[in-house]
Amino acid sequence: MEQPAEAIVTVSSHPPRGHRTFAIQMMAKLASAYYARLAQKVQPSNTDAAPALYLTSHEPLQVLRDLLGHSNALTAEKY
């Protein structure tokens, strides 16, 4: 009896697609005030206070630009 050959799995990755998906999901959370509600739950002495303050005190597109590593908000706006 022959042994079955090992299956070869090929995974193709599309970084721009992942980048776009992240941008869309993050922008939806920023626009829906998800992080503003989260920031209300964070205590000022908590280590999460600084990121929560940043996410709630800047324009959503600027936050997204920084998270994507773009130097210009217009580049982030394309996503």
N, C-alpha and C. Protein backbone atom coordinates (compact mmCIF):
# COMPACT_ATOMS: atom_id res chain seq x y z
N MET A 1 0.83 -1.18 0.00
CA MET A 1 0.00 0.00 0.00
C MET A 1 0.88 1.25 0.00
N GLU A 2 0.59 2.16 -0.90
CA GLU A 2 1.39 3.37 -1.02
C GLU A 2 0.96 4.43 -0.02
N GLN A 3 1.93 5.15 0.45
CA GLN A 3 1.67 6.28 1.36
C GLN A 3 1.25 7.48 0.51
N PRO A 4 0.25 8.25 0.97
CA PRO A 4 -0.13 9.45 0.21
C PRO A 4 1.00 10.48 0.25
N ALA A 5 1.16 11.15 -0.84
CA ALA A 5 2.18 12.20 -0.91
C ALA A 5 1.79 13.35 0.00
N GLU A 6 2.79 14.02 0.54
CA GLU A 6 2.51 15.17 1.40
C GLU A 6 1.86 16.28 0.59
N ALA A 7 0.89 16.89 1.19
CA ALA A 7 0.22 18.01 0.52
C ALA A 7 1.09 19.25 0.64
N ILE A 8 1.22 19.92 -0.44
CA ILE A 8 1.98 21.17 -0.43
C ILE A 8 0.97 22.31 -0.46
N VAL A 9 1.05 23.13 0.55
CA VAL A 9 0.13 24.25 0.66
C VAL A 9 0.87 25.52 0.28
N THR A 10 0.32 26.20 -0.67
CA THR A 10 0.91 27.47 -1.08
C THR A 10 -0.01 28.59 -0.61
N VAL A 11 0.58 29.51 0.12
CA VAL A 11 -0.18 30.65 0.62
C VAL A 11 0.34 31.90 -0.07
N SER A 12 -0.54 32.60 -0.69
CA SER A 12 -0.13 33.85 -1.30
C SER A 12 -0.58 35.00 -0.42
N SER A 13 0.30 35.89 -0.20
CA SER A 13 0.02 37.03 0.66
C SER A 13 0.00 38.30 -0.18
N HIS A 14 -0.93 39.13 0.12
CA HIS A 14 -1.05 40.41 -0.59
C HIS A 14 -0.97 41.53 0.44
N PRO A 15 0.24 42.01 0.76
CA PRO A 15 0.38 43.06 1.76
C PRO A 15 -0.51 44.27 1.54
N PRO A 16 -0.66 44.76 0.29
CA PRO A 16 -1.53 45.93 0.12
C PRO A 16 -2.97 45.65 0.54
N ARG A 17 -3.44 44.43 0.32
CA ARG A 17 -4.80 44.08 0.71
C ARG A 17 -4.93 44.08 2.24
N GLY A 18 -3.92 43.53 2.92
CA GLY A 18 -3.94 43.54 4.39
C GLY A 18 -3.86 44.95 4.94
N HIS A 19 -3.05 45.75 4.30
CA HIS A 19 -2.89 47.16 4.68
C HIS A 19 -4.23 47.89 4.55
N ARG A 20 -4.91 47.65 3.44
CA ARG A 20 -6.20 48.29 3.18
C ARG A 20 -7.26 47.82 4.16
N THR A 21 -7.28 46.51 4.44
CA THR A 21 -8.25 45.96 5.39
C THR A 21 -8.05 46.57 6.77
N PHE A 22 -6.78 46.65 7.21
CA PHE A 22 -6.48 47.27 8.50
C PHE A 22 -6.97 48.72 8.52
N ALA A 23 -6.69 49.45 7.45
CA ALA A 23 -7.06 50.87 7.38
C ALA A 23 -8.57 51.05 7.44
N ILE A 24 -9.29 50.23 6.73
CA ILE A 24 -10.76 50.35 6.72
C ILE A 24 -11.33 50.04 8.10
N GLN A 25 -10.85 48.96 8.71
CA GLN A 25 -11.37 48.59 10.04
C GLN A 25 -11.00 49.62 11.09
N MET A 26 -9.77 50.13 11.03
CA MET A 26 -9.34 51.12 12.01
C MET A 26 -10.11 52.42 11.84
N MET A 27 -10.32 52.85 10.60
CA MET A 27 -11.06 54.09 10.36
C MET A 27 -12.50 53.96 10.85
N ALA A 28 -13.10 52.80 10.67
CA ALA A 28 -14.46 52.58 11.15
C ALA A 28 -14.50 52.70 12.67
N LYS A 29 -13.51 52.14 13.35
CA LYS A 29 -13.47 52.23 14.81
C LYS A 29 -13.23 53.67 15.27
N LEU A 30 -12.34 54.37 14.58
CA LEU A 30 -12.06 55.76 14.95
C LEU A 30 -13.29 56.63 14.73
N ALA A 31 -13.97 56.42 13.62
CA ALA A 31 -15.14 57.24 13.29
C ALA A 31 -16.32 56.93 14.20
N SER A 32 -16.42 55.71 14.69
CA SER A 32 -17.55 55.35 15.54
C SER A 32 -17.32 55.68 17.01
N ALA A 33 -16.23 56.35 17.30
CA ALA A 33 -15.88 56.75 18.67
C ALA A 33 -15.61 55.54 19.56
N TYR A 34 -15.22 54.43 18.96
CA TYR A 34 -14.88 53.22 19.71
C TYR A 34 -13.79 53.52 20.74
N TYR A 35 -12.74 54.22 20.31
CA TYR A 35 -11.63 54.49 21.20
C TYR A 35 -11.97 55.57 22.23
N ALA A 36 -12.90 56.44 21.92
CA ALA A 36 -13.34 57.43 22.91
C ALA A 36 -14.04 56.72 24.08
N ARG A 37 -14.86 55.75 23.75
CA ARG A 37 -15.52 54.98 24.81
C ARG A 37 -14.51 54.16 25.60
N LEU A 38 -13.51 53.62 24.91
CA LEU A 38 -12.47 52.86 25.58
C LEU A 38 -11.65 53.75 26.50
N ALA A 39 -11.36 54.97 26.07
CA ALA A 39 -10.56 55.90 26.87
C ALA A 39 -11.26 56.28 28.16
N GLN A 40 -12.58 56.29 28.16
CA GLN A 40 -13.32 56.61 29.37
C GLN A 40 -13.13 55.54 30.43
N LYS A 41 -12.81 54.34 30.02
CA LYS A 41 -12.64 53.23 30.96
C LYS A 41 -11.22 53.12 31.49
N VAL A 42 -10.28 53.83 30.85
CA VAL A 42 -8.88 53.74 31.22
C VAL A 42 -8.58 54.71 32.36
N GLN A 43 -7.91 54.22 33.37
CA GLN A 43 -7.51 55.06 34.48
C GLN A 43 -6.24 55.82 34.10
N PRO A 44 -6.11 57.09 34.51
CA PRO A 44 -4.93 57.88 34.14
C PRO A 44 -3.60 57.24 34.56
N SER A 45 -3.60 56.46 35.62
CA SER A 45 -2.36 55.83 36.07
C SER A 45 -2.04 54.55 35.30
N ASN A 46 -2.96 54.09 34.49
CA ASN A 46 -2.78 52.87 33.71
C ASN A 46 -1.81 53.12 32.57
N THR A 47 -1.06 52.10 32.17
CA THR A 47 -0.10 52.26 31.07
C THR A 47 -0.80 52.44 29.72
N ASP A 48 -2.09 52.12 29.64
CA ASP A 48 -2.83 52.30 28.40
C ASP A 48 -3.38 53.72 28.24
N ALA A 49 -3.16 54.58 29.22
CA ALA A 49 -3.73 55.93 29.18
C ALA A 49 -3.17 56.75 28.02
N ALA A 50 -1.88 56.68 27.77
CA ALA A 50 -1.27 57.50 26.70
C ALA A 50 -1.80 57.13 25.32
N PRO A 51 -1.80 55.83 24.95
CA PRO A 51 -2.36 55.50 23.63
C PRO A 51 -3.84 55.85 23.52
N ALA A 52 -4.59 55.68 24.58
CA ALA A 52 -6.02 56.00 24.55
C ALA A 52 -6.21 57.50 24.35
N LEU A 53 -5.39 58.30 25.02
CA LEU A 53 -5.47 59.76 24.85
C LEU A 53 -5.12 60.15 23.42
N TYR A 54 -4.07 59.54 22.88
CA TYR A 54 -3.67 59.84 21.50
C TYR A 54 -4.78 59.49 20.52
N LEU A 55 -5.38 58.31 20.67
CA LEU A 55 -6.40 57.85 19.74
C LEU A 55 -7.66 58.70 19.80
N THR A 56 -7.89 59.37 20.91
CA THR A 56 -9.12 60.16 21.05
C THR A 56 -8.91 61.65 20.87
N SER A 57 -7.67 62.12 20.89
CA SER A 57 -7.46 63.57 20.85
C SER A 57 -7.01 64.09 19.48
N HIS A 58 -6.87 63.22 18.51
CA HIS A 58 -6.43 63.62 17.17
C HIS A 58 -7.51 63.28 16.16
N GLU A 59 -7.41 63.91 15.02
CA GLU A 59 -8.33 63.60 13.92
C GLU A 59 -8.12 62.15 13.50
N PRO A 60 -9.21 61.42 13.23
CA PRO A 60 -9.07 60.01 12.84
C PRO A 60 -8.13 59.78 11.66
N LEU A 61 -8.15 60.64 10.67
CA LEU A 61 -7.27 60.44 9.52
C LEU A 61 -5.80 60.62 9.88
N GLN A 62 -5.52 61.53 10.82
CA GLN A 62 -4.13 61.71 11.27
C GLN A 62 -3.65 60.50 12.04
N VAL A 63 -4.52 59.94 12.87
CA VAL A 63 -4.16 58.74 13.63
C VAL A 63 -3.90 57.60 12.65
N LEU A 64 -4.77 57.44 11.68
CA LEU A 64 -4.60 56.37 10.70
C LEU A 64 -3.30 56.57 9.91
N ARG A 65 -3.00 57.80 9.54
CA ARG A 65 -1.75 58.10 8.82
C ARG A 65 -0.55 57.63 9.64
N ASP A 66 -0.57 57.94 10.93
CA ASP A 66 0.55 57.55 11.79
C ASP A 66 0.65 56.04 11.94
N LEU A 67 -0.48 55.38 12.10
CA LEU A 67 -0.48 53.93 12.26
C LEU A 67 -0.01 53.20 11.00
N LEU A 68 -0.32 53.77 9.84
CA LEU A 68 0.10 53.16 8.58
C LEU A 68 1.53 53.54 8.21
N GLY A 69 2.08 54.53 8.90
CA GLY A 69 3.45 54.94 8.63
C GLY A 69 3.60 55.87 7.45
N HIS A 70 2.53 56.53 7.07
CA HIS A 70 2.58 57.47 5.94
C HIS A 70 3.01 58.84 6.45
N SER A 71 3.68 59.58 5.61
CA SER A 71 4.10 60.93 6.00
C SER A 71 3.05 61.97 5.64
N ASN A 72 2.10 61.60 4.81
CA ASN A 72 1.09 62.54 4.35
C ASN A 72 -0.31 61.93 4.55
N ALA A 73 -1.22 62.71 5.09
CA ALA A 73 -2.59 62.20 5.32
C ALA A 73 -3.30 61.87 4.01
N LEU A 74 -2.92 62.52 2.92
CA LEU A 74 -3.55 62.23 1.63
C LEU A 74 -3.25 60.80 1.16
N THR A 75 -2.07 60.31 1.51
CA THR A 75 -1.73 58.93 1.16
C THR A 75 -2.61 57.97 1.94
N ALA A 76 -2.80 58.23 3.23
CA ALA A 76 -3.65 57.38 4.06
C ALA A 76 -5.11 57.47 3.62
N GLU A 77 -5.50 58.63 3.12
CA GLU A 77 -6.89 58.83 2.69
C GLU A 77 -7.27 57.92 1.53
N LYS A 78 -6.28 57.53 0.71
CA LYS A 78 -6.56 56.64 -0.43
C LYS A 78 -7.09 55.29 0.01
N TYR A 79 -6.67 54.84 1.18
CA TYR A 79 -7.11 53.55 1.69
C TYR A 79 -8.54 53.65 2.16
